[in-house]
Amino acid sequence: MSAPIRRLFLAGFTVLALASAAHAQGRGPVAESGIDGFGDDGQLYQDQNGALYVRRGDRYLPYTGRAPVVRPAPQAAPAPQSAPVYAPEDEDPTVQRRQAGAPPAEGLSPIEAAKAKAVLRAPDDGPIDYAKAYGPITDDVFPIQAFNYKKMNPAFLRQEIAYSGPYEPGTIIVDPRAHQLTLVEPGGRARRYGVGVGKQGFSWSGTATVNSKQAWPDWYPPKEMIARSPKLASEVDKLQSGLGVAGGLRNPLGARAMYLWQGNKDTLFRIHGTLEPFSIGKSVSSGCIRMINQDAIDLFSRVNVGSKVVVLN
């Protein structure tokens, strides 16, 4: 009898825990950590487009091995829900449709389960209402305070605009000089957001790809950054992949992060939320592209892994 296939949602990916023929013959699992090209946890991850990934630390790398042949998992009965349970989102029919048929996230901690749920948040495609767009978010992993958009330069607030440029729908264009990020959409339209960018000496330009997406990600500052800011030494903790700050309300990456790679190399630059929303429109970061948390969540819900990112010079 073929080995069962366990599917669950983690940070936006479907996890395929695969067992070999040896397991099917009763000799036990062999798809352990690091074996047969799998990642640190011996699992393959699949995004919504069907692409496969392996996990290395807190990152997801494209899987270049032979694609496994699997059969659909049997439909499991929903597991009993435990805290945190977010009733407002449960009652949202749009979210229910996106989750229809998705197997329960069994075996996850409450925080991991909440993160898995957060990445399924549906974007709001209605007319942009700033009071709603920048209002408080109470049904995410952690509560997000309302942003006082009336004190922000309107050029850096979310906008729907016409687009006639050369880039295809789905492309993210970052203009550091204008402190704006544009997501190209179909039909000659685009969605534009204000961003904060790297200060002098920390800026970056070029073309990259969204390699992975994470809700409320952990942050691992480089040793050089800790050396430049000794205060960080008292803020980091020992996490799974080294010294860092766990995802949450004191994490500089904010509510969402999109990790930018060039080929198989991590650029170390991210598009992410921020603890300092009024830094949007300025050049103050260590090179990353920061957004108001509400905007980071909105962009995150519209961007797929593999999307092209162009950072202008």
C-alpha atoms as a PDB file:
ATOM      1  CA  MET A   1       0.000   0.000   0.000  1.00  0.00           C
ATOM      2  CA  SER A   2       1.398   3.388  -0.981  1.00  0.00           C
ATOM      3  CA  ALA A   3       2.615   5.660   1.786  1.00  0.00           C
ATOM      4  CA  PRO A   4       0.236   8.524   2.625  1.00  0.00           C
ATOM      5  CA  ILE A   5       1.056  12.061   1.623  1.00  0.00           C
ATOM      6  CA  ARG A   6       0.720  14.665   4.341  1.00  0.00           C
ATOM      7  CA  ARG A   7      -0.236  18.151   3.137  1.00  0.00           C
ATOM      8  CA  LEU A   8      -0.374  21.284   5.252  1.00  0.00           C
ATOM      9  CA  PHE A   9       0.009  25.002   4.699  1.00  0.00           C
ATOM     10  CA  LEU A  10       3.086  26.731   6.141  1.00  0.00           C
ATOM     11  CA  ALA A  11       4.039  30.332   5.261  1.00  0.00           C
ATOM     12  CA  GLY A  12       2.101  30.122   1.997  1.00  0.00           C
ATOM     13  CA  PHE A  13       3.483  26.776   0.789  1.00  0.00           C
ATOM     14  CA  THR A  14       2.019  23.287   0.658  1.00  0.00           C
ATOM     15  CA  VAL A  15       4.314  20.833   2.417  1.00  0.00           C
ATOM     16  CA  LEU A  16       4.732  17.466   0.747  1.00  0.00           C
ATOM     17  CA  ALA A  17       6.200  15.013   3.244  1.00  0.00           C
ATOM     18  CA  LEU A  18       7.268  12.214   0.906  1.00  0.00           C
ATOM     19  CA  ALA A  19       8.188   8.646   1.842  1.00  0.00           C
ATOM     20  CA  SER A  20      10.171   6.309  -0.453  1.00  0.00           C
ATOM     21  CA  ALA A  21       9.420   2.819  -1.680  1.00  0.00           C
ATOM     22  CA  ALA A  22      11.385   1.470   1.287  1.00  0.00           C
ATOM     23  CA  HIS A  23       8.736   2.940   3.613  1.00  0.00           C
ATOM     24  CA  ALA A  24       5.992   1.423   1.479  1.00  0.00           C
ATOM     25  CA  GLN A  25       7.638  -1.949   1.975  1.00  0.00           C
ATOM     26  CA  GLY A  26       7.615  -1.543   5.735  1.00  0.00           C
ATOM     27  CA  ARG A  27      11.269  -0.567   6.302  1.00  0.00           C
ATOM     28  CA  GLY A  28      10.468   2.854   7.758  1.00  0.00           C
ATOM     29  CA  PRO A  29      10.837   6.422   6.440  1.00  0.00           C
ATOM     30  CA  VAL A  30      14.012   7.390   4.603  1.00  0.00           C
ATOM     31  CA  ALA A  31      13.215  10.978   3.474  1.00  0.00           C
ATOM     32  CA  GLU A  32      15.089  12.402   6.442  1.00  0.00           C
ATOM     33  CA  SER A  33      16.832  15.762   6.759  1.00  0.00           C
ATOM     34  CA  GLY A  34      19.342  16.407   3.979  1.00  0.00           C
ATOM     35  CA  ILE A  35      18.690  13.126   2.117  1.00  0.00           C
ATOM     36  CA  ASP A  36      17.984  12.964  -1.622  1.00  0.00           C
ATOM     37  CA  GLY A  37      18.398  16.720  -2.058  1.00  0.00           C
ATOM     38  CA  PHE A  38      15.624  17.704   0.321  1.00  0.00           C
ATOM     39  CA  GLY A  39      16.090  20.588   2.743  1.00  0.00           C
ATOM     40  CA  ASP A  40      16.841  20.822   6.433  1.00  0.00           C
ATOM     41  CA  ASP A  41      13.538  19.200   7.391  1.00  0.00           C
ATOM     42  CA  GLY A  42      13.456  16.513   4.690  1.00  0.00           C
ATOM     43  CA  GLN A  43      10.372  18.004   3.037  1.00  0.00           C
ATOM     44  CA  LEU A  44       9.385  19.569  -0.259  1.00  0.00           C
ATOM     45  CA  TYR A  45       7.271  22.722  -0.373  1.00  0.00           C
ATOM     46  CA  GLN A  46       4.934  23.695  -3.201  1.00  0.00           C
ATOM     47  CA  ASP A  47       3.598  27.175  -3.912  1.00  0.00           C
ATOM     48  CA  GLN A  48       0.282  28.056  -5.488  1.00  0.00           C
ATOM     49  CA  ASN A  49       1.824  27.833  -8.968  1.00  0.00           C
ATOM     50  CA  GLY A  50       3.043  24.253  -8.471  1.00  0.00           C
ATOM     51  CA  ALA A  51       6.771  25.116  -8.146  1.00  0.00           C
ATOM     52  CA  LEU A  52       8.759  23.029  -5.657  1.00  0.00           C
ATOM     53  CA  TYR A  53      11.106  24.322  -2.948  1.00  0.00           C
ATOM     54  CA  VAL A  54      13.338  23.017  -0.156  1.00  0.00           C
ATOM     55  CA  ARG A  55      13.834  24.748   3.171  1.00  0.00           C
ATOM     56  CA  ARG A  56      17.275  25.918   4.304  1.00  0.00           C
ATOM     57  CA  GLY A  57      17.080  27.645   7.659  1.00  0.00           C
ATOM     58  CA  ASP A  58      14.313  30.228   7.300  1.00  0.00           C
ATOM     59  CA  ARG A  59      14.523  30.413   3.503  1.00  0.00           C
ATOM     60  CA  TYR A  60      12.873  28.470   0.681  1.00  0.00           C
ATOM     61  CA  LEU A  61      15.142  27.569  -2.262  1.00  0.00           C
ATOM     62  CA  PRO A  62      13.937  26.261  -5.647  1.00  0.00           C
ATOM     63  CA  TYR A  63      14.105  22.448  -5.771  1.00  0.00           C
ATOM     64  CA  THR A  64      16.041  21.325  -8.858  1.00  0.00           C
ATOM     65  CA  GLY A  65      15.788  17.572  -8.346  1.00  0.00           C
ATOM     66  CA  ARG A  66      13.420  15.171 -10.000  1.00  0.00           C
ATOM     67  CA  ALA A  67       9.806  16.055  -9.295  1.00  0.00           C
ATOM     68  CA  PRO A  68       8.079  13.356  -7.223  1.00  0.00           C
ATOM     69  CA  VAL A  69       5.049  11.534  -8.516  1.00  0.00           C
ATOM     70  CA  VAL A  70       2.341  11.662  -5.875  1.00  0.00           C
ATOM     71  CA  ARG A  71      -1.328  10.907  -5.728  1.00  0.00           C
ATOM     72  CA  PRO A  72      -3.872  13.291  -4.169  1.00  0.00           C
ATOM     73  CA  ALA A  73      -4.099  13.109  -0.418  1.00  0.00           C
ATOM     74  CA  PRO A  74      -7.312  11.692   1.012  1.00  0.00           C
ATOM     75  CA  GLN A  75      -9.682  14.322   2.324  1.00  0.00           C
ATOM     76  CA  ALA A  76      -9.204  14.563   6.068  1.00  0.00           C
ATOM     77  CA  ALA A  77     -11.855  15.638   8.507  1.00  0.00           C
ATOM     78  CA  PRO A  78     -11.240  19.155   9.879  1.00  0.00           C
ATOM     79  CA  ALA A  79      -9.244  19.110  13.094  1.00  0.00           C
ATOM     80  CA  PRO A  80     -10.772  20.792  16.160  1.00  0.00           C
ATOM     81  CA  GLN A  81      -9.792  24.441  16.224  1.00  0.00           C
ATOM     82  CA  SER A  82      -7.873  25.894  19.103  1.00  0.00           C
ATOM     83  CA  ALA A  83      -6.620  29.386  19.883  1.00  0.00           C
ATOM     84  CA  PRO A  84      -5.837  31.565  18.145  1.00  0.00           C
ATOM     85  CA  VAL A  85      -9.166  31.489  16.263  1.00  0.00           C
ATOM     86  CA  TYR A  86     -10.078  34.683  14.417  1.00  0.00           C
ATOM     87  CA  ALA A  87     -13.835  34.792  13.980  1.00  0.00           C
ATOM     88  CA  PRO A  88     -13.980  37.900  11.720  1.00  0.00           C
ATOM     89  CA  GLU A  89     -11.825  36.221   9.092  1.00  0.00           C
ATOM     90  CA  ASP A  90     -13.653  32.909   9.465  1.00  0.00           C
ATOM     91  CA  GLU A  91     -16.860  34.713   8.543  1.00  0.00           C
ATOM     92  CA  ASP A  92     -15.311  36.306   5.436  1.00  0.00           C
ATOM     93  CA  PRO A  93     -16.691  34.338   2.468  1.00  0.00           C
ATOM     94  CA  THR A  94     -13.772  35.435   0.250  1.00  0.00           C
ATOM     95  CA  VAL A  95     -11.288  33.866   2.649  1.00  0.00           C
ATOM     96  CA  GLN A  96     -13.466  30.776   2.926  1.00  0.00           C
ATOM     97  CA  ARG A  97     -13.392  30.356  -0.829  1.00  0.00           C
ATOM     98  CA  ARG A  98      -9.597  30.666  -0.903  1.00  0.00           C
ATOM     99  CA  GLN A  99      -9.357  28.044   1.796  1.00  0.00           C
ATOM    100  CA  ALA A 100     -11.933  25.696   0.314  1.00  0.00           C
ATOM    101  CA  GLY A 101     -10.483  22.206   0.029  1.00  0.00           C
ATOM    102  CA  ALA A 102      -7.320  23.107   1.945  1.00  0.00           C
ATOM    103  CA  PRO A 103      -6.407  20.398   4.463  1.00  0.00           C
ATOM    104  CA  PRO A 104      -6.135  21.334   8.150  1.00  0.00           C
ATOM    105  CA  ALA A 105      -2.778  22.561   9.408  1.00  0.00           C
ATOM    106  CA  GLU A 106      -2.308  19.640  11.772  1.00  0.00           C
ATOM    107  CA  GLY A 107       0.704  19.537  14.052  1.00  0.00           C
ATOM    108  CA  LEU A 108       1.436  23.264  13.894  1.00  0.00           C
ATOM    109  CA  SER A 109       1.836  25.491  16.907  1.00  0.00           C
ATOM    110  CA  PRO A 110      -0.875  28.157  17.363  1.00  0.00           C
ATOM    111  CA  ILE A 111       1.472  30.848  15.993  1.00  0.00           C
ATOM    112  CA  GLU A 112       2.472  28.753  12.963  1.00  0.00           C
ATOM    113  CA  ALA A 113      -1.170  27.936  12.275  1.00  0.00           C
ATOM    114  CA  ALA A 114      -2.064  31.627  12.514  1.00  0.00           C
ATOM    115  CA  LYS A 115       0.762  32.504  10.097  1.00  0.00           C
ATOM    116  CA  ALA A 116      -0.438  29.849   7.663  1.00  0.00           C
ATOM    117  CA  LYS A 117      -3.873  31.419   7.839  1.00  0.00           C
ATOM    118  CA  ALA A 118      -2.513  34.959   7.436  1.00  0.00           C
ATOM    119  CA  VAL A 119      -0.870  34.235   4.096  1.00  0.00           C
ATOM    120  CA  LEU A 120      -4.286  33.302   2.680  1.00  0.00           C
ATOM    121  CA  ARG A 121      -5.715  36.771   3.354  1.00  0.00           C
ATOM    122  CA  ALA A 122      -7.536  37.898   0.230  1.00  0.00           C
ATOM    123  CA  PRO A 123      -6.735  41.332  -1.215  1.00  0.00           C
ATOM    124  CA  ASP A 124      -9.376  44.046  -1.205  1.00  0.00           C
ATOM    125  CA  ASP A 125     -10.078  44.825  -4.852  1.00  0.00           C
ATOM    126  CA  GLY A 126     -12.679  47.482  -4.154  1.00  0.00           C
ATOM    127  CA  PRO A 127     -12.071  51.229  -4.494  1.00  0.00           C
ATOM    128  CA  ILE A 128      -9.318  52.382  -2.143  1.00  0.00           C
ATOM    129  CA  ASP A 129     -10.835  53.872   0.999  1.00  0.00           C
ATOM    130  CA  TYR A 130      -7.964  55.179   3.131  1.00  0.00           C
ATOM    131  CA  ALA A 131      -9.921  54.964   6.373  1.00  0.00           C
ATOM    132  CA  LYS A 132     -10.398  51.255   5.684  1.00  0.00           C
ATOM    133  CA  ALA A 133      -7.068  50.582   3.971  1.00  0.00           C
ATOM    134  CA  TYR A 134      -5.066  52.055   6.857  1.00  0.00           C
ATOM    135  CA  GLY A 135      -7.425  51.130   9.673  1.00  0.00           C
ATOM    136  CA  PRO A 136      -6.548  48.680  12.468  1.00  0.00           C
ATOM    137  CA  ILE A 137      -6.142  44.994  11.613  1.00  0.00           C
ATOM    138  CA  THR A 138      -7.320  42.812  14.446  1.00  0.00           C
ATOM    139  CA  ASP A 139      -7.674  39.425  12.726  1.00  0.00           C
ATOM    140  CA  ASP A 140      -4.050  38.783  11.797  1.00  0.00           C
ATOM    141  CA  VAL A 141      -1.384  36.889  13.766  1.00  0.00           C
ATOM    142  CA  PHE A 142      -0.690  40.024  15.809  1.00  0.00           C
ATOM    143  CA  PRO A 143      -2.884  43.147  16.000  1.00  0.00           C
ATOM    144  CA  ILE A 144      -1.807  46.079  13.820  1.00  0.00           C
ATOM    145  CA  GLN A 145      -2.624  49.615  14.872  1.00  0.00           C
ATOM    146  CA  ALA A 146      -4.330  52.052  12.523  1.00  0.00           C
ATOM    147  CA  PHE A 147      -1.982  54.279  10.565  1.00  0.00           C
ATOM    148  CA  ASN A 148      -2.705  58.015  10.631  1.00  0.00           C
ATOM    149  CA  TYR A 149      -2.672  58.481   6.876  1.00  0.00           C
ATOM    150  CA  LYS A 150      -3.798  62.113   7.188  1.00  0.00           C
ATOM    151  CA  LYS A 151      -0.288  63.023   8.360  1.00  0.00           C
ATOM    152  CA  MET A 152       1.409  61.286   5.422  1.00  0.00           C
ATOM    153  CA  ASN A 153       2.302  62.944   2.123  1.00  0.00           C
ATOM    154  CA  PRO A 154      -0.453  61.706  -0.253  1.00  0.00           C
ATOM    155  CA  ALA A 155       2.231  60.745  -2.798  1.00  0.00           C
ATOM    156  CA  PHE A 156       3.219  57.895  -0.497  1.00  0.00           C
ATOM    157  CA  LEU A 157      -0.256  56.478   0.116  1.00  0.00           C
ATOM    158  CA  ARG A 158      -1.702  53.527  -1.785  1.00  0.00           C
ATOM    159  CA  GLN A 159      -3.053  54.492  -5.215  1.00  0.00           C
ATOM    160  CA  GLU A 160      -4.506  52.908  -8.332  1.00  0.00           C
ATOM    161  CA  ILE A 161      -2.926  54.395 -11.443  1.00  0.00           C
ATOM    162  CA  ALA A 162      -2.817  53.939 -15.213  1.00  0.00           C
ATOM    163  CA  TYR A 163       0.253  52.110 -16.517  1.00  0.00           C
ATOM    164  CA  SER A 164       1.635  52.001 -20.062  1.00  0.00           C
ATOM    165  CA  GLY A 165       5.251  51.009 -19.367  1.00  0.00           C
ATOM    166  CA  PRO A 166       7.240  48.040 -20.703  1.00  0.00           C
ATOM    167  CA  TYR A 167       6.840  45.630 -17.786  1.00  0.00           C
ATOM    168  CA  GLU A 168       4.405  42.731 -17.707  1.00  0.00           C
ATOM    169  CA  PRO A 169       1.594  42.350 -15.152  1.00  0.00           C
ATOM    170  CA  GLY A 170       2.900  40.907 -11.914  1.00  0.00           C
ATOM    171  CA  THR A 171       6.177  42.851 -12.072  1.00  0.00           C
ATOM    172  CA  ILE A 172       7.204  44.962  -9.067  1.00  0.00           C
ATOM    173  CA  ILE A 173       9.032  48.195  -9.911  1.00  0.00           C
ATOM    174  CA  VAL A 174      10.825  50.122  -7.169  1.00  0.00           C
ATOM    175  CA  ASP A 175      11.858  53.729  -7.807  1.00  0.00           C
ATOM    176  CA  PRO A 176      14.191  54.632  -4.900  1.00  0.00           C
ATOM    177  CA  ARG A 177      14.439  58.263  -5.966  1.00  0.00           C
ATOM    178  CA  ALA A 178      10.658  58.733  -5.929  1.00  0.00           C
ATOM    179  CA  HIS A 179      10.285  56.433  -2.891  1.00  0.00           C
ATOM    180  CA  GLN A 180       7.539  54.520  -4.658  1.00  0.00           C
ATOM    181  CA  LEU A 181       6.844  50.873  -5.475  1.00  0.00           C
ATOM    182  CA  THR A 182       4.556  49.959  -8.359  1.00  0.00           C
ATOM    183  CA  LEU A 183       2.890  46.604  -8.956  1.00  0.00           C
ATOM    184  CA  VAL A 184       1.915  46.251 -12.609  1.00  0.00           C
ATOM    185  CA  GLU A 185      -1.590  44.833 -13.055  1.00  0.00           C
ATOM    186  CA  PRO A 186      -3.521  43.668 -16.133  1.00  0.00           C
ATOM    187  CA  GLY A 187      -5.523  46.029 -18.316  1.00  0.00           C
ATOM    188  CA  GLY A 188      -3.104  48.957 -18.313  1.00  0.00           C
ATOM    189  CA  ARG A 189      -3.446  49.510 -14.566  1.00  0.00           C
ATOM    190  CA  ALA A 190      -1.035  49.446 -11.635  1.00  0.00           C
ATOM    191  CA  ARG A 191      -1.068  49.771  -7.864  1.00  0.00           C
ATOM    192  CA  ARG A 192       1.428  52.172  -6.324  1.00  0.00           C
ATOM    193  CA  TYR A 193       2.688  52.393  -2.742  1.00  0.00           C
ATOM    194  CA  GLY A 194       5.084  54.643  -0.861  1.00  0.00           C
ATOM    195  CA  VAL A 195       8.279  53.016   0.413  1.00  0.00           C
ATOM    196  CA  GLY A 196      11.348  53.750   2.480  1.00  0.00           C
ATOM    197  CA  VAL A 197      14.656  52.797   0.881  1.00  0.00           C
ATOM    198  CA  GLY A 198      18.338  52.450   1.729  1.00  0.00           C
ATOM    199  CA  LYS A 199      20.280  55.424   2.933  1.00  0.00           C
ATOM    200  CA  GLN A 200      23.446  56.517   1.141  1.00  0.00           C
ATOM    201  CA  GLY A 201      25.928  53.672   0.966  1.00  0.00           C
ATOM    202  CA  PHE A 202      23.267  51.015   1.450  1.00  0.00           C
ATOM    203  CA  SER A 203      21.209  51.400  -1.721  1.00  0.00           C
ATOM    204  CA  TRP A 204      20.857  48.619  -4.281  1.00  0.00           C
ATOM    205  CA  SER A 205      19.526  48.391  -7.814  1.00  0.00           C
ATOM    206  CA  GLY A 206      19.009  45.641 -10.325  1.00  0.00           C
ATOM    207  CA  THR A 207      16.602  42.844 -11.198  1.00  0.00           C
ATOM    208  CA  ALA A 208      15.636  40.111  -8.763  1.00  0.00           C
ATOM    209  CA  THR A 209      12.929  37.547  -8.083  1.00  0.00           C
ATOM    210  CA  VAL A 210      10.628  37.044  -5.118  1.00  0.00           C
ATOM    211  CA  ASN A 211      12.142  33.792  -3.855  1.00  0.00           C
ATOM    212  CA  SER A 212       9.862  33.337  -0.841  1.00  0.00           C
ATOM    213  CA  LYS A 213       7.154  35.112   1.169  1.00  0.00           C
ATOM    214  CA  GLN A 214       6.646  34.995   4.911  1.00  0.00           C
ATOM    215  CA  ALA A 215       4.059  36.357   7.313  1.00  0.00           C
ATOM    216  CA  TRP A 216       5.526  37.858  10.488  1.00  0.00           C
ATOM    217  CA  PRO A 217       8.997  36.503   9.670  1.00  0.00           C
ATOM    218  CA  ASP A 218      11.920  36.119  12.021  1.00  0.00           C
ATOM    219  CA  TRP A 219      14.701  38.648  11.434  1.00  0.00           C
ATOM    220  CA  TYR A 220      18.367  37.702  11.426  1.00  0.00           C
ATOM    221  CA  PRO A 221      20.492  40.877  11.278  1.00  0.00           C
ATOM    222  CA  PRO A 222      23.958  40.396   9.750  1.00  0.00           C
ATOM    223  CA  LYS A 223      26.886  40.435  12.154  1.00  0.00           C
ATOM    224  CA  GLU A 224      28.058  43.653  10.511  1.00  0.00           C
ATOM    225  CA  MET A 225      24.775  45.338  11.386  1.00  0.00           C
ATOM    226  CA  ILE A 226      25.029  44.253  14.992  1.00  0.00           C
ATOM    227  CA  ALA A 227      28.590  45.612  15.034  1.00  0.00           C
ATOM    228  CA  ARG A 228      27.350  48.975  13.714  1.00  0.00           C
ATOM    229  CA  SER A 229      24.466  49.048  16.206  1.00  0.00           C
ATOM    230  CA  PRO A 230      25.547  47.523  19.545  1.00  0.00           C
ATOM    231  CA  LYS A 231      22.002  48.093  20.853  1.00  0.00           C
ATOM    232  CA  LEU A 232      20.934  45.189  18.655  1.00  0.00           C
ATOM    233  CA  ALA A 233      23.042  42.809  20.733  1.00  0.00           C
ATOM    234  CA  SER A 234      20.577  43.229  23.611  1.00  0.00           C
ATOM    235  CA  GLU A 235      17.539  42.736  21.347  1.00  0.00           C
ATOM    236  CA  VAL A 236      18.416  39.507  19.544  1.00  0.00           C
ATOM    237  CA  ASP A 237      17.689  36.030  20.866  1.00  0.00           C
ATOM    238  CA  LYS A 238      18.858  32.561  19.935  1.00  0.00           C
ATOM    239  CA  LEU A 239      16.437  31.353  17.271  1.00  0.00           C
ATOM    240  CA  GLN A 240      16.349  28.257  15.082  1.00  0.00           C
ATOM    241  CA  SER A 241      18.693  29.692  12.452  1.00  0.00           C
ATOM    242  CA  GLY A 242      20.906  31.882  14.646  1.00  0.00           C
ATOM    243  CA  LEU A 243      20.738  35.168  16.524  1.00  0.00           C
ATOM    244  CA  GLY A 244      17.661  37.165  15.611  1.00  0.00           C
ATOM    245  CA  VAL A 245      14.330  38.660  16.552  1.00  0.00           C
ATOM    246  CA  ALA A 246      11.266  36.418  16.425  1.00  0.00           C
ATOM    247  CA  GLY A 247       8.346  37.521  14.255  1.00  0.00           C
ATOM    248  CA  GLY A 248       6.064  39.873  16.142  1.00  0.00           C
ATOM    249  CA  LEU A 249       5.320  43.441  17.085  1.00  0.00           C
ATOM    250  CA  ARG A 250       8.959  44.326  17.844  1.00  0.00           C
ATOM    251  CA  ASN A 251      10.363  42.792  14.682  1.00  0.00           C
ATOM    252  CA  PRO A 252      11.725  45.366  12.164  1.00  0.00           C
ATOM    253  CA  LEU A 253      10.426  43.319   9.219  1.00  0.00           C
ATOM    254  CA  GLY A 254       6.863  43.969  10.316  1.00  0.00           C
ATOM    255  CA  ALA A 255       3.857  41.941   9.252  1.00  0.00           C
ATOM    256  CA  ARG A 256       5.094  40.584   5.921  1.00  0.00           C
ATOM    257  CA  ALA A 257       8.354  40.064   4.039  1.00  0.00           C
ATOM    258  CA  MET A 258       9.204  39.142   0.454  1.00  0.00           C
ATOM    259  CA  TYR A 259      12.766  37.846  -0.033  1.00  0.00           C
ATOM    260  CA  LEU A 260      14.662  38.944  -3.148  1.00  0.00           C
ATOM    261  CA  TRP A 261      17.106  36.639  -4.902  1.00  0.00           C
ATOM    262  CA  GLN A 262      19.137  36.811  -8.107  1.00  0.00           C
ATOM    263  CA  GLY A 263      19.304  33.309  -9.552  1.00  0.00           C
ATOM    264  CA  ASN A 264      20.371  31.031  -6.693  1.00  0.00           C
ATOM    265  CA  LYS A 265      21.886  33.850  -4.628  1.00  0.00           C
ATOM    266  CA  ASP A 266      20.164  35.747  -1.840  1.00  0.00           C
ATOM    267  CA  THR A 267      20.563  39.494  -2.375  1.00  0.00           C
ATOM    268  CA  LEU A 268      19.920  39.996   1.383  1.00  0.00           C
ATOM    269  CA  PHE A 269      17.377  42.653   0.401  1.00  0.00           C
ATOM    270  CA  ARG A 270      13.721  42.383   1.323  1.00  0.00           C
ATOM    271  CA  ILE A 271      10.415  44.124   0.725  1.00  0.00           C
ATOM    272  CA  HIS A 272       8.818  44.221   4.158  1.00  0.00           C
ATOM    273  CA  GLY A 273       6.660  46.030   6.688  1.00  0.00           C
ATOM    274  CA  THR A 274       8.068  48.375   9.301  1.00  0.00           C
ATOM    275  CA  LEU A 275       7.884  49.504  12.900  1.00  0.00           C
ATOM    276  CA  GLU A 276       8.425  53.085  11.690  1.00  0.00           C
ATOM    277  CA  PRO A 277       5.679  53.912   9.178  1.00  0.00           C
ATOM    278  CA  PHE A 278       6.564  57.598   9.069  1.00  0.00           C
ATOM    279  CA  SER A 279       9.961  56.691   7.619  1.00  0.00           C
ATOM    280  CA  ILE A 280       8.128  55.942   4.364  1.00  0.00           C
ATOM    281  CA  GLY A 281       9.200  58.434   1.715  1.00  0.00           C
ATOM    282  CA  LYS A 282      12.712  58.659   3.160  1.00  0.00           C
ATOM    283  CA  SER A 283      16.099  57.015   2.612  1.00  0.00           C
ATOM    284  CA  VAL A 284      16.843  55.632   6.046  1.00  0.00           C
ATOM    285  CA  SER A 285      17.048  51.838   5.882  1.00  0.00           C
ATOM    286  CA  SER A 286      20.031  49.513   5.572  1.00  0.00           C
ATOM    287  CA  GLY A 287      19.072  48.811   1.989  1.00  0.00           C
ATOM    288  CA  CYS A 288      15.762  46.990   2.317  1.00  0.00           C
ATOM    289  CA  ILE A 289      12.493  48.321   0.911  1.00  0.00           C
ATOM    290  CA  ARG A 290      10.103  49.056   3.763  1.00  0.00           C
ATOM    291  CA  MET A 291       6.370  49.660   3.601  1.00  0.00           C
ATOM    292  CA  ILE A 292       3.526  50.632   5.920  1.00  0.00           C
ATOM    293  CA  ASN A 293       2.340  47.314   7.393  1.00  0.00           C
ATOM    294  CA  GLN A 294      -1.120  47.640   5.849  1.00  0.00           C
ATOM    295  CA  ASP A 295       0.496  48.202   2.443  1.00  0.00           C
ATOM    296  CA  ALA A 296       2.938  45.319   2.923  1.00  0.00           C
ATOM    297  CA  ILE A 297       0.004  42.999   3.635  1.00  0.00           C
ATOM    298  CA  ASP A 298      -1.881  44.254   0.572  1.00  0.00           C
ATOM    299  CA  LEU A 299       1.138  43.803  -1.735  1.00  0.00           C
ATOM    300  CA  PHE A 300       1.925  40.399  -0.214  1.00  0.00           C
ATOM    301  CA  SER A 301      -1.583  39.161  -1.013  1.00  0.00           C
ATOM    302  CA  ARG A 302      -1.147  40.110  -4.695  1.00  0.00           C
ATOM    303  CA  VAL A 303       2.389  38.849  -5.392  1.00  0.00           C
ATOM    304  CA  ASN A 304       3.414  35.284  -6.198  1.00  0.00           C
ATOM    305  CA  VAL A 305       6.713  33.550  -5.548  1.00  0.00           C
ATOM    306  CA  GLY A 306       8.731  33.971  -8.738  1.00  0.00           C
ATOM    307  CA  SER A 307       7.516  37.504  -9.438  1.00  0.00           C
ATOM    308  CA  LYS A 308      10.036  39.803 -11.079  1.00  0.00           C
ATOM    309  CA  VAL A 309      11.325  42.788  -9.097  1.00  0.00           C
ATOM    310  CA  VAL A 310      13.069  45.698 -10.814  1.00  0.00           C
ATOM    311  CA  VAL A 311      14.842  48.234  -8.580  1.00  0.00           C
ATOM    312  CA  LEU A 312      15.692  51.266 -10.689  1.00  0.00           C
ATOM    313  CA  ASN A 313      19.077  52.953 -10.511  1.00  0.00           C
END
